[in-house]
Protein backbone atom coordinates (compact mmCIF):
# COMPACT_ATOMS: atom_id res chain seq x y z
CA MET A 1 102.42 60.68 103.99
CA LEU A 2 98.69 60.00 104.16
CA SER A 3 98.63 57.45 106.98
CA SER A 4 94.89 56.86 107.28
CA ILE A 5 91.54 58.27 106.27
CA HIS A 6 88.03 57.97 107.65
CA ILE A 7 85.08 58.70 105.33
CA GLU A 8 81.51 58.92 106.56
CA ASN A 9 78.20 59.56 104.75
CA ILE A 10 79.62 60.56 101.36
CA ALA A 11 77.56 59.30 98.39
CA LEU A 12 77.50 55.47 98.60
CA ILE A 13 79.92 55.38 101.52
CA LYS A 14 78.30 54.89 104.92
CA SER A 15 81.54 54.58 106.84
CA ILE A 16 84.96 53.29 105.82
CA ASP A 17 88.48 53.49 107.22
CA ILE A 18 91.63 52.99 105.15
CA ASP A 19 95.20 52.64 106.42
CA PHE A 20 98.06 53.37 104.02
CA SER A 21 101.83 52.90 103.89
CA ARG A 22 104.59 54.95 102.26
CA LYS A 23 104.60 52.73 99.16
CA PHE A 24 102.72 52.26 95.90
CA SER A 25 99.06 51.40 96.58
CA ALA A 26 96.56 50.45 93.86
CA PHE A 27 92.77 50.69 94.03
CA THR A 28 90.69 48.54 91.71
CA GLY A 29 87.05 47.55 91.44
CA GLU A 30 84.19 47.42 89.02
CA THR A 31 82.93 50.60 87.42
CA GLY A 32 80.58 52.43 89.80
CA ALA A 33 81.90 50.66 92.89
CA GLY A 34 82.96 53.93 94.49
CA LYS A 35 86.63 54.43 93.65
CA SER A 36 86.00 58.00 92.50
CA ILE A 37 84.08 58.68 95.72
CA ILE A 38 87.21 57.87 97.70
CA ILE A 39 89.27 60.24 95.52
CA ASP A 40 86.60 62.94 95.88
CA SER A 41 86.72 62.47 99.66
CA ILE A 42 90.48 62.93 99.66
CA GLY A 43 89.85 65.99 97.50
CA LEU A 44 87.77 67.47 100.34
CA ILE A 45 90.79 67.12 102.61
CA CYS A 46 92.71 69.06 99.95
CA GLY A 47 90.21 71.94 100.10
CA ALA A 48 88.06 71.00 97.10
CA LYS A 49 84.65 72.62 96.82
CA ALA A 50 82.00 70.76 98.80
CA SER A 51 78.30 70.50 97.99
CA LYS A 52 75.36 69.13 99.92
CA GLU A 53 74.72 66.73 97.02
CA MET A 54 77.80 64.78 98.17
CA ILE A 55 76.05 63.84 101.41
CA ARG A 56 74.59 60.33 101.55
CA ALA A 57 70.80 60.35 101.03
CA GLY A 58 68.92 60.66 104.30
CA GLU A 59 71.88 62.06 106.24
CA GLN A 60 72.36 65.61 107.48
CA SER A 61 76.15 65.78 107.34
CA ALA A 62 79.28 64.10 106.01
CA LEU A 63 82.72 63.75 107.52
CA VAL A 64 86.25 63.12 106.24
CA GLU A 65 89.22 62.76 108.57
CA ALA A 66 92.84 62.19 107.56
CA ILE A 67 96.08 61.67 109.47
CA PHE A 68 99.45 62.59 107.93
CA THR A 69 102.61 61.13 109.47
CA GLU A 70 106.33 60.86 108.70
CA LEU A 71 106.29 64.40 107.32
CA PHE A 72 109.16 65.76 105.24
CA GLU A 73 111.15 68.49 106.98
CA SER A 74 110.15 70.90 104.19
CA THR A 75 106.48 70.09 104.87
CA LYS A 76 106.90 70.74 108.59
CA GLN A 77 108.54 74.08 107.86
CA LYS A 78 105.83 75.17 105.43
CA SER A 79 103.04 74.11 107.80
CA GLU A 80 104.67 76.11 110.61
CA GLU A 81 104.72 79.15 108.34
CA LEU A 82 100.95 78.74 107.95
CA GLY A 83 100.50 78.59 111.72
CA ILE A 84 99.87 74.84 111.65
CA HIS A 85 101.94 73.02 114.23
CA PRO A 86 102.30 69.22 113.99
CA ASP A 87 101.52 67.43 117.26
CA GLU A 88 104.11 65.94 119.61
CA ASP A 89 104.35 62.87 117.36
CA GLY A 90 104.95 65.02 114.28
CA CYS A 91 101.48 64.32 112.85
CA ILE A 92 98.87 66.53 111.19
CA PHE A 93 95.20 65.62 111.68
CA ILE A 94 92.70 67.17 109.26
CA GLN A 95 88.93 67.00 109.76
CA ARG A 96 86.32 68.39 107.39
CA THR A 97 82.56 68.31 107.75
CA VAL A 98 79.92 69.07 105.14
CA THR A 99 76.35 69.80 106.24
CA ALA A 100 73.03 69.68 104.41
CA ASP A 101 72.53 73.44 104.84
CA GLY A 102 75.64 74.06 102.75
CA LYS A 103 77.84 74.95 105.68
CA GLY A 104 80.78 73.05 107.09
CA THR A 105 83.92 73.28 109.15
CA VAL A 106 87.61 72.59 108.68
CA ARG A 107 89.82 71.66 111.62
CA VAL A 108 93.55 71.00 111.63
CA ASN A 109 94.91 69.40 114.80
CA GLY A 110 91.68 70.37 116.55
CA ARG A 111 91.80 74.06 115.59
CA GLN A 112 89.27 75.51 113.16
CA VAL A 113 90.95 77.10 110.13
CA PRO A 114 89.74 78.83 106.93
CA LEU A 115 89.39 76.76 103.76
CA SER A 116 92.14 78.87 102.16
CA ILE A 117 94.63 77.65 104.79
CA LEU A 118 93.58 74.04 104.17
CA LYS A 119 94.13 74.45 100.41
CA GLU A 120 97.61 75.85 100.89
CA LEU A 121 98.58 73.26 103.52
CA SER A 122 97.29 70.33 101.47
CA SER A 123 99.24 71.52 98.42
CA TYR A 124 102.37 70.45 100.31
CA LEU A 125 100.81 67.14 101.38
CA ILE A 126 98.93 65.77 98.35
CA ASN A 127 98.78 66.15 94.58
CA ILE A 128 95.77 64.54 92.89
CA HIS A 129 96.07 63.83 89.16
CA GLY A 130 93.09 62.67 87.15
CA GLN A 131 91.59 63.29 83.73
CA HIS A 132 90.56 66.77 84.83
CA ASP A 133 94.06 67.49 86.13
CA ASN A 134 95.52 66.42 82.79
CA GLN A 135 93.54 69.27 81.27
CA ASP A 136 95.31 71.62 83.69
CA LEU A 137 98.56 70.46 82.12
CA LEU A 138 97.41 72.11 78.89
CA LYS A 139 97.41 75.54 80.51
CA PRO A 140 100.67 77.45 79.82
CA GLU A 141 100.45 79.22 83.20
CA LYS A 142 101.09 75.83 84.85
CA HIS A 143 104.24 75.29 82.82
CA LEU A 144 106.22 78.10 84.43
CA PHE A 145 105.53 76.65 87.89
CA ILE A 146 106.74 73.22 86.76
CA LEU A 147 109.92 74.68 85.25
CA ASP A 148 110.69 76.74 88.35
CA CYS A 149 110.06 73.74 90.57
CA PHE A 150 112.48 71.64 88.52
CA GLY A 151 115.03 74.42 88.09
CA GLU A 152 115.10 75.32 91.80
CA THR A 153 114.97 79.03 91.01
CA GLU A 154 114.00 80.12 94.54
CA VAL A 155 116.99 82.47 95.01
CA GLU A 156 116.57 84.20 91.64
CA ARG A 157 112.80 84.46 92.09
CA ALA A 158 113.18 85.92 95.59
CA THR A 159 115.58 88.58 94.32
CA TYR A 160 113.29 89.42 91.42
CA SER A 161 110.17 89.36 93.61
CA GLU A 162 111.58 91.86 96.12
CA LEU A 163 112.52 94.30 93.35
CA TYR A 164 109.17 93.78 91.61
CA HIS A 165 107.36 94.61 94.87
CA ASP A 166 109.32 97.89 95.20
CA TYR A 167 108.76 98.66 91.51
CA GLN A 168 104.99 98.15 91.77
CA LYS A 169 104.84 100.27 94.92
CA ILE A 170 106.39 103.18 93.00
CA ILE A 171 104.07 102.65 90.03
CA ASN A 172 101.02 102.63 92.30
CA GLU A 173 102.11 105.84 94.03
CA LYS A 174 102.72 107.50 90.67
CA ASN A 175 99.28 106.46 89.46
CA THR A 176 97.73 107.88 92.63
CA ILE A 177 99.51 111.21 92.20
CA SER A 178 99.13 111.46 88.41
CA THR A 179 95.47 112.36 88.33
CA ASP A 180 93.95 114.06 85.32
CA ASP A 181 95.09 117.73 85.08
CA ARG A 182 91.50 118.96 84.89
CA GLU A 183 90.56 116.91 87.93
CA LYS A 184 93.66 118.16 89.76
CA GLN A 185 92.71 121.79 89.01
CA ARG A 186 89.12 121.22 90.13
CA ARG A 187 90.32 119.62 93.35
CA THR A 188 92.80 122.43 94.01
CA GLU A 189 90.12 125.11 93.67
CA MET A 190 87.76 123.19 95.93
CA LEU A 191 90.41 122.73 98.62
CA LYS A 192 91.37 126.42 98.51
CA PHE A 193 87.72 127.45 98.91
CA GLN A 194 87.21 125.08 101.84
CA ILE A 195 90.39 126.17 103.58
CA ASP A 196 89.52 129.87 103.10
CA GLU A 197 85.96 129.44 104.36
CA ILE A 198 87.02 127.58 107.51
CA SER A 199 90.09 129.75 108.18
CA THR A 200 88.06 132.99 107.82
CA ALA A 201 85.68 131.73 110.52
CA LYS A 202 88.61 131.56 113.01
CA LEU A 203 87.00 128.75 114.96
CA LYS A 204 88.13 127.78 118.44
CA PRO A 205 87.67 124.20 119.72
CA SER A 206 85.32 125.02 122.67
CA GLU A 207 83.76 128.12 121.16
CA GLU A 208 80.29 126.73 120.49
CA GLU A 209 79.81 125.56 124.08
CA LYS A 210 80.86 128.97 125.43
CA LEU A 211 78.49 130.78 123.07
CA ILE A 212 75.56 128.64 124.19
CA ILE A 213 76.35 129.43 127.85
CA GLU A 214 76.63 133.15 127.05
CA LYS A 215 73.32 133.06 125.15
CA LYS A 216 71.66 131.53 128.18
CA ARG A 217 73.15 134.25 130.40
CA ILE A 218 71.91 137.11 128.23
CA ASN A 219 68.43 135.59 127.95
CA ASN A 220 68.29 135.70 131.79
CA LEU A 221 69.85 139.14 132.37
CA GLU A 222 66.88 140.55 134.31
CA LYS A 223 66.69 137.56 136.60
CA ILE A 224 70.47 137.56 137.07
CA ALA A 225 70.55 141.29 137.84
CA LEU A 226 67.81 141.06 140.46
CA ASN A 227 69.24 138.06 142.25
CA VAL A 228 72.89 139.13 142.08
CA SER A 229 71.93 142.55 143.51
CA THR A 230 69.96 140.93 146.29
CA ALA A 231 72.77 138.51 147.14
CA TYR A 232 75.39 141.29 146.97
CA GLU A 233 73.45 143.54 149.34
CA ALA A 234 72.79 140.66 151.73
CA LEU A 235 76.39 139.54 151.78
CA TYR A 236 78.40 142.76 151.54
CA ARG A 237 77.05 146.25 150.90
CA GLY A 238 73.55 146.31 152.29
CA ASN A 239 72.35 147.40 155.71
CA LYS A 240 72.64 144.54 158.12
CA SER A 241 74.68 142.53 155.58
CA VAL A 242 76.47 139.38 156.60
CA THR A 243 79.86 141.11 156.48
CA GLU A 244 78.60 143.97 158.67
CA GLY A 245 77.38 141.47 161.24
CA LEU A 246 80.69 139.61 161.11
CA GLU A 247 82.62 142.89 161.70
CA LYS A 248 80.55 143.57 164.80
CA ALA A 249 81.11 140.05 166.06
CA ILE A 250 84.85 140.28 165.43
CA LEU A 251 85.03 143.59 167.39
CA ALA A 252 83.05 142.15 170.28
CA ILE A 253 85.13 138.96 170.55
CA GLY A 254 88.30 141.03 170.25
CA ASN A 255 87.34 142.72 173.56
CA LEU A 256 87.54 139.27 175.18
CA HIS A 257 91.11 138.39 174.15
CA THR A 258 92.39 138.83 177.70
CA ILE A 259 89.52 136.94 179.21
CA ILE A 260 88.83 133.95 176.88
CA ASP A 261 91.86 131.90 175.87
CA ARG A 262 90.55 130.97 172.37
CA ALA A 263 89.16 134.41 171.53
CA PRO A 264 92.03 135.20 169.06
CA GLU A 265 91.34 131.92 167.26
CA TYR A 266 87.65 132.77 166.90
CA THR A 267 88.32 136.25 165.55
CA GLU A 268 90.80 134.84 163.03
CA LYS A 269 88.20 132.35 161.72
CA LEU A 270 85.55 135.06 161.51
CA GLU A 271 87.97 137.31 159.61
CA SER A 272 88.55 134.48 157.12
CA MET A 273 84.80 133.98 156.73
CA LYS A 274 84.30 137.69 156.11
CA TYR A 275 86.85 137.84 153.29
CA GLU A 276 85.51 134.62 151.73
CA ILE A 277 81.99 136.08 151.72
CA ILE A 278 83.29 139.30 150.15
CA ASP A 279 85.02 137.21 147.42
CA ILE A 280 81.78 135.34 146.68
CA ALA A 281 79.83 138.58 146.42
CA GLU A 282 82.33 140.11 143.99
CA LEU A 283 82.54 136.91 141.93
CA LEU A 284 78.77 136.95 141.54
CA VAL A 285 78.97 140.46 140.16
CA ASP A 286 81.78 139.51 137.79
CA GLN A 287 79.96 136.44 136.51
CA ALA A 288 76.79 138.41 135.97
CA GLY A 289 78.73 140.47 133.43
CA ASP A 290 77.75 143.89 132.23
CA ILE A 291 74.22 144.23 133.50
CA GLU A 292 73.82 147.45 131.53
CA GLU A 293 74.78 145.90 128.14
CA ASN A 294 72.31 145.84 125.24
CA PRO A 295 70.91 142.28 125.28
CA THR A 296 69.44 142.49 121.78
CA GLU A 297 72.74 143.48 120.22
CA ALA A 298 74.64 140.79 122.19
CA LEU A 299 72.13 138.08 121.26
CA ASN A 300 72.27 138.99 117.58
CA LYS A 301 76.03 138.70 117.65
CA ILE A 302 75.90 135.29 119.37
CA GLU A 303 73.15 133.98 117.09
CA GLY A 304 75.12 135.05 114.03
CA ARG A 305 78.19 133.21 115.27
CA LEU A 306 76.22 130.06 116.15
CA ASP A 307 74.54 130.15 112.73
CA LEU A 308 77.96 130.30 111.04
CA ILE A 309 79.15 127.32 113.10
CA TYR A 310 75.94 125.40 112.25
CA ARG A 311 76.44 125.95 108.51
CA LEU A 312 80.07 124.84 108.69
CA LYS A 313 79.04 121.74 110.64
CA GLN A 314 76.46 120.90 107.97
CA LYS A 315 79.12 121.15 105.24
CA TYR A 316 82.24 119.67 106.83
CA ALA A 317 81.93 117.80 110.13
CA PRO A 318 79.63 117.31 113.14
CA SER A 319 81.79 119.27 115.61
CA VAL A 320 83.98 122.39 115.66
CA GLN A 321 87.06 120.33 116.52
CA GLN A 322 86.43 118.02 113.56
CA ILE A 323 85.95 121.03 111.25
CA ILE A 324 89.35 122.34 112.35
CA GLU A 325 90.87 118.88 111.69
CA PHE A 326 89.16 118.78 108.28
CA CYS A 327 90.80 122.10 107.43
CA GLU A 328 94.24 120.81 108.44
CA GLN A 329 93.77 117.72 106.28
CA ALA A 330 92.66 119.88 103.35
CA LYS A 331 95.80 121.99 103.75
CA LYS A 332 97.92 118.82 103.70
CA GLU A 333 96.17 117.52 100.57
CA LEU A 334 96.57 120.87 98.85
CA SER A 335 100.25 120.86 99.75
CA ASP A 336 100.59 117.32 98.36
CA ILE A 337 98.98 118.38 95.08
CA GLU A 338 101.17 121.44 94.80
CA LEU A 339 104.24 119.30 95.52
CA SER A 340 103.06 116.40 93.34
CA GLU A 341 105.13 117.42 90.34
CA ILE A 342 108.26 117.38 92.47
CA ARG A 343 107.26 114.02 93.96
CA LEU A 344 106.50 112.62 90.50
CA ALA A 345 109.95 113.58 89.33
CA GLU A 346 111.48 111.86 92.38
CA LEU A 347 109.38 108.72 91.81
CA GLU A 348 110.28 108.58 88.12
CA LYS A 349 113.95 108.74 89.02
CA LYS A 350 113.48 105.89 91.50
CA ARG A 351 111.43 103.90 88.99
CA LYS A 352 114.17 104.07 86.37
CA ALA A 353 116.80 103.01 88.90
CA ILE A 354 114.77 100.04 90.13
CA LYS A 355 113.79 99.10 86.58
CA GLU A 356 117.46 98.65 85.68
CA LYS A 357 117.91 96.32 88.66
CA LEU A 358 114.63 94.58 87.85
CA LEU A 359 115.74 93.96 84.26
CA ASP A 360 118.98 92.45 85.54
CA ALA A 361 117.08 90.24 88.00
CA ALA A 362 114.60 89.18 85.31
CA LEU A 363 117.49 88.33 82.99
CA ALA A 364 119.23 86.29 85.69
CA LEU A 365 115.97 84.43 86.38
CA SER A 366 115.39 83.86 82.66
CA ASN A 367 118.92 82.57 82.12
CA LYS A 368 118.52 80.11 85.00
CA ARG A 369 115.21 78.94 83.56
CA LYS A 370 116.62 78.49 80.07
CA GLU A 371 119.58 76.59 81.42
CA LYS A 372 117.31 74.25 83.38
CA ALA A 373 114.76 74.03 80.53
CA LYS A 374 117.22 72.06 78.41
CA LYS A 375 117.79 69.58 81.20
CA LEU A 376 114.05 69.36 81.91
CA SER A 377 113.32 68.65 78.23
CA ASN A 378 115.95 65.90 78.11
CA GLU A 379 114.72 64.21 81.27
CA ILE A 380 111.05 64.35 80.21
CA GLU A 381 111.95 62.96 76.78
CA ASN A 382 113.80 60.08 78.47
CA GLU A 383 110.81 59.36 80.68
CA LEU A 384 108.39 59.50 77.73
CA GLN A 385 110.56 57.19 75.65
CA TYR A 386 110.41 54.73 78.52
CA LEU A 387 106.61 55.16 78.49
CA ASP A 388 106.45 54.04 74.84
CA MET A 389 106.66 57.43 73.16
CA PRO A 390 109.99 56.78 71.36
CA ASN A 391 109.84 59.61 68.82
CA VAL A 392 108.77 62.34 71.20
CA LYS A 393 110.50 65.72 71.27
CA PHE A 394 109.80 68.00 74.23
CA HIS A 395 110.60 71.71 74.08
CA VAL A 396 110.22 74.61 76.51
CA ASP A 397 109.28 77.75 74.60
CA PHE A 398 110.03 81.23 75.97
CA SER A 399 108.36 84.47 74.88
CA LYS A 400 108.96 87.98 76.20
CA ASN A 401 106.31 89.89 78.10
CA ASP A 402 105.76 93.57 77.38
CA THR A 403 105.40 94.27 81.09
CA PHE A 404 106.82 92.96 84.33
CA CYS A 405 104.74 90.37 86.18
CA SER A 406 105.08 88.78 89.60
CA TYR A 407 106.87 85.81 88.02
CA GLY A 408 109.18 87.73 85.64
CA ASN A 409 108.87 89.30 82.20
CA GLU A 410 108.48 86.16 80.12
CA ASN A 411 105.95 83.45 79.36
CA VAL A 412 106.73 79.76 79.24
CA GLU A 413 104.87 77.07 77.31
CA PHE A 414 105.59 73.39 76.83
CA LEU A 415 105.68 72.25 73.20
CA ILE A 416 105.79 68.65 72.04
CA SER A 417 106.18 66.62 68.89
CA THR A 418 105.04 63.01 69.13
CA ASN A 419 106.02 62.00 65.60
CA ARG A 420 109.42 62.15 63.95
CA GLY A 421 109.90 65.11 61.63
CA GLU A 422 106.97 67.14 63.01
CA PRO A 423 107.74 70.52 64.60
CA PRO A 424 106.88 70.91 68.32
CA LYS A 425 103.43 72.36 68.94
CA PRO A 426 101.42 73.28 72.08
CA LEU A 427 100.20 70.30 74.11
CA GLN A 428 96.52 70.93 73.45
CA LYS A 429 97.11 70.67 69.68
CA ILE A 430 99.08 67.44 69.84
CA ALA A 431 98.52 65.22 72.84
CA SER A 432 95.71 62.66 73.09
CA GLY A 433 94.18 61.63 76.41
CA GLY A 434 96.51 58.66 76.81
CA GLU A 435 99.52 60.73 75.81
CA LEU A 436 98.59 63.43 78.31
CA SER A 437 98.52 60.83 81.09
CA ARG A 438 102.03 59.73 80.20
CA ILE A 439 103.29 63.30 79.85
CA MET A 440 101.87 64.15 83.25
CA LEU A 441 103.47 61.07 84.81
CA ALA A 442 106.79 61.88 83.14
CA ILE A 443 106.73 65.42 84.53
CA LYS A 444 105.83 64.21 88.02
CA SER A 445 108.57 61.60 87.84
CA VAL A 446 111.11 64.29 87.00
CA ILE A 447 110.03 66.79 89.69
CA ALA A 448 108.74 64.36 92.34
CA GLU A 449 111.68 64.90 94.70
CA LYS A 450 111.94 68.63 94.04
CA ASP A 451 108.37 69.78 94.60
CA GLY A 452 108.41 68.24 98.09
CA VAL A 453 104.87 66.83 97.89
CA GLU A 454 104.32 63.93 100.30
CA THR A 455 101.65 61.99 98.41
CA LEU A 456 100.84 61.60 94.69
CA ILE A 457 97.41 60.30 93.69
CA PHE A 458 96.74 59.17 90.11
CA ASP A 459 93.10 58.65 89.18
CA GLU A 460 92.74 56.30 86.18
CA ILE A 461 96.06 57.24 84.61
CA ASP A 462 95.64 54.23 82.31
CA THR A 463 92.68 55.77 80.45
CA GLY A 464 93.20 55.45 76.70
CA ILE A 465 96.21 53.13 76.92
CA SER A 466 96.80 49.43 77.41
CA GLY A 467 99.25 46.53 77.25
CA LYS A 468 102.94 47.25 77.28
CA THR A 469 102.43 50.98 77.86
CA SER A 470 100.34 50.30 80.96
CA ARG A 471 103.12 48.09 82.30
CA SER A 472 105.66 50.85 81.72
CA ILE A 473 103.43 53.31 83.56
CA GLY A 474 103.08 50.88 86.45
CA ILE A 475 106.84 50.45 86.71
CA LYS A 476 107.30 54.22 86.66
CA LEU A 477 104.72 54.58 89.46
CA LEU A 478 106.57 51.93 91.45
CA GLN A 479 109.85 53.80 90.97
CA THR A 480 108.25 57.12 91.96
CA ALA A 481 107.05 55.47 95.18
CA THR A 482 110.67 55.21 96.34
CA THR A 483 110.70 58.98 97.01
CA CYS A 484 107.07 59.62 97.96
CA GLN A 485 103.79 57.88 98.60
CA VAL A 486 101.85 56.89 95.46
CA LEU A 487 98.15 55.98 95.29
CA CYS A 488 96.62 54.95 91.99
CA VAL A 489 93.06 54.16 90.92
CA THR A 490 93.30 51.88 87.90
CA HIS A 491 91.49 49.44 85.63
CA SER A 492 94.78 48.02 84.38
CA ALA A 493 96.00 44.60 85.52
CA GLN A 494 99.51 45.53 84.39
CA ILE A 495 99.55 48.53 86.77
CA ALA A 496 97.67 46.99 89.71
CA SER A 497 99.93 43.93 89.77
CA LEU A 498 102.97 46.14 90.40
CA ALA A 499 101.57 47.80 93.53
CA ASN A 500 103.02 47.11 96.96
CA LEU A 501 99.52 47.18 98.41
CA HIS A 502 96.28 46.40 96.61
CA TYR A 503 92.82 47.59 97.73
CA LEU A 504 89.54 46.35 96.30
CA VAL A 505 86.61 48.76 96.20
CA SER A 506 83.19 47.14 95.92
CA LYS A 507 79.57 47.83 96.67
CA LYS A 508 76.83 45.69 98.20
CA GLU A 509 73.29 45.99 99.46
CA LYS A 510 72.77 46.31 103.19
CA GLU A 511 69.38 46.96 104.78
CA ASN A 512 67.95 47.85 101.36
CA ARG A 513 70.71 50.43 100.79
CA THR A 514 73.76 50.27 98.52
CA GLU A 515 77.05 50.78 100.33
CA THR A 516 80.64 51.08 99.14
CA SER A 517 83.28 49.12 101.03
CA ILE A 518 87.02 48.65 100.72
CA ARG A 519 89.47 46.00 101.84
CA LYS A 520 93.18 45.34 101.51
CA LEU A 521 93.74 42.20 99.46
CA SER A 522 95.82 39.23 100.46
CA TYR A 523 98.15 37.60 97.94
CA GLU A 524 95.51 35.07 96.86
CA ASP A 525 92.81 37.73 96.67
CA ARG A 526 95.11 39.86 94.50
CA ILE A 527 95.49 37.00 92.04
CA THR A 528 91.71 36.67 91.83
CA GLU A 529 91.15 40.43 91.37
CA ILE A 530 93.86 40.84 88.71
CA ALA A 531 92.53 37.76 86.90
CA ARG A 532 89.06 39.38 86.97
CA ILE A 533 90.46 42.54 85.38
CA ILE A 534 92.11 40.41 82.68
CA ALA A 535 89.27 38.01 81.91
CA GLY A 536 86.13 39.72 83.15
CA MET A 537 83.55 37.84 85.22
CA ASP A 538 84.53 34.38 83.90
CA ILE A 539 87.93 33.94 85.52
CA THR A 540 89.92 31.21 83.78
CA ASP A 541 92.97 29.31 84.92
CA ALA A 542 94.93 31.05 82.19
CA ALA A 543 93.89 34.42 83.57
CA ARG A 544 95.00 33.38 87.05
CA GLU A 545 98.34 32.19 85.73
CA THR A 546 98.82 35.50 83.94
CA ALA A 547 97.93 37.35 87.16
CA VAL A 548 100.54 35.39 89.11
CA GLU A 549 103.13 36.07 86.44
CA LEU A 550 102.40 39.82 86.49
CA ILE A 551 102.70 39.96 90.28
CA GLU A 552 105.81 37.80 90.51
CA ASN A 553 107.63 39.74 87.78
CA LYS A 554 107.38 43.01 89.75
CA ASN A 555 110.82 42.88 91.28
CA SER A 556 112.58 42.07 88.04
CA GLU A 557 110.90 44.98 86.25
CA LYS A 558 111.73 47.78 88.69
């Protein structure tokens, strides 16, 4: 339930705190006192759109904080699924700020969350019903949700939903494959051209780098030839080369083997040096390549190859490796297109098989709905008769959909007849404002325990009705409060007098500013406030006596 709320700098509210209980609480006060501001503030906690115009004049930000306690087990489970974990006391603390620059933050138990998460979480915590929400009741798309909530169709919907997901997946894949024949032909020709062009080039991953190195070598052939020849002569084949000197040294030291103990070791090292120098000399010659080759012809060949690679890079990808990968992907796409007819046939076979199962699941879901629709109609009619609509007839109308949807293959709309002998018609063509309030209350009374919502808020449900009907509505609110928390903003003495707790919203001037305040009324204060609602500003003894009678008769009217 909503245990407490703190509101700061919203419209006429400077700062107020309200504590609630899990009962029926009524809010009264003169028009313009700020009752709607409190409801709007609670709406912010529910994820309603915020605007900087809501911020109290002269302030830079506004704040709403709410604590929810004594949570239903279903609410705890759903909040956990959203990644929201109640604290060690099982509470959820929601904080929302609105700033003058149009920005704001949402925090749940100290952790910042997106507004979308707040909206989904709050849908399990609070339902707000006002004149605007009554208009939502006119929308047929809301009716299916209400029926499913009442009918407890979770199992049937889950079965249908899983099949529908698989069915849509197949349809989407078919749509992706089933491109226009002309487009498919154009794409096939393009892919074949690209594959042929890249394959003909016979690219190798590191080819470009090697060609650039070879180009550099050929451009420096003269310099390479001169220096390699010089190094070769100096190391190996020339007069007085390093190897010649080493051979002489090895021969000389060999003559000392019997005289110097380490002479064999020295000759061995010198032998190793000689062969290493010979290897270096020969490697230089090998790396220099064919010194006698025609550099012009070799350069032309390299330049032609590099030009081909450059053009392919311009068309397909920035590197040779990526061009090769592009070609492989093109081959795969071409294969997919060529095999698409086979795949389409497979998908169509699967689609037909799943469609049969989907039709069965949709039928099972529809049958469950129709079965529960009769019970729903009877219970709503009973509630409406209690709310002074004795001749009402409520009907749930079903119509087939041409296609499958996420919720089934049928539409649901609530029809109603408020006068005897008249055929049921859509709500928007029949119900008046006052009737809509009663219909909405009747529906909430029927599904209150099943939709698992912790708190119900009714904003001026008494609009357009009075007298005995208001009293009936108040009694129904009091009864609903036995299964969930009920808050009601009202101008009706008959409703307010039935509340377990009564709050008075008023406004006053403080430091040349108008401020809204709220206080919980004592028994005597309740008598005065209800008498004011009955008589206006001039409260008479008769009005006070009537107020006492309305309050005292609460228990007998439950």
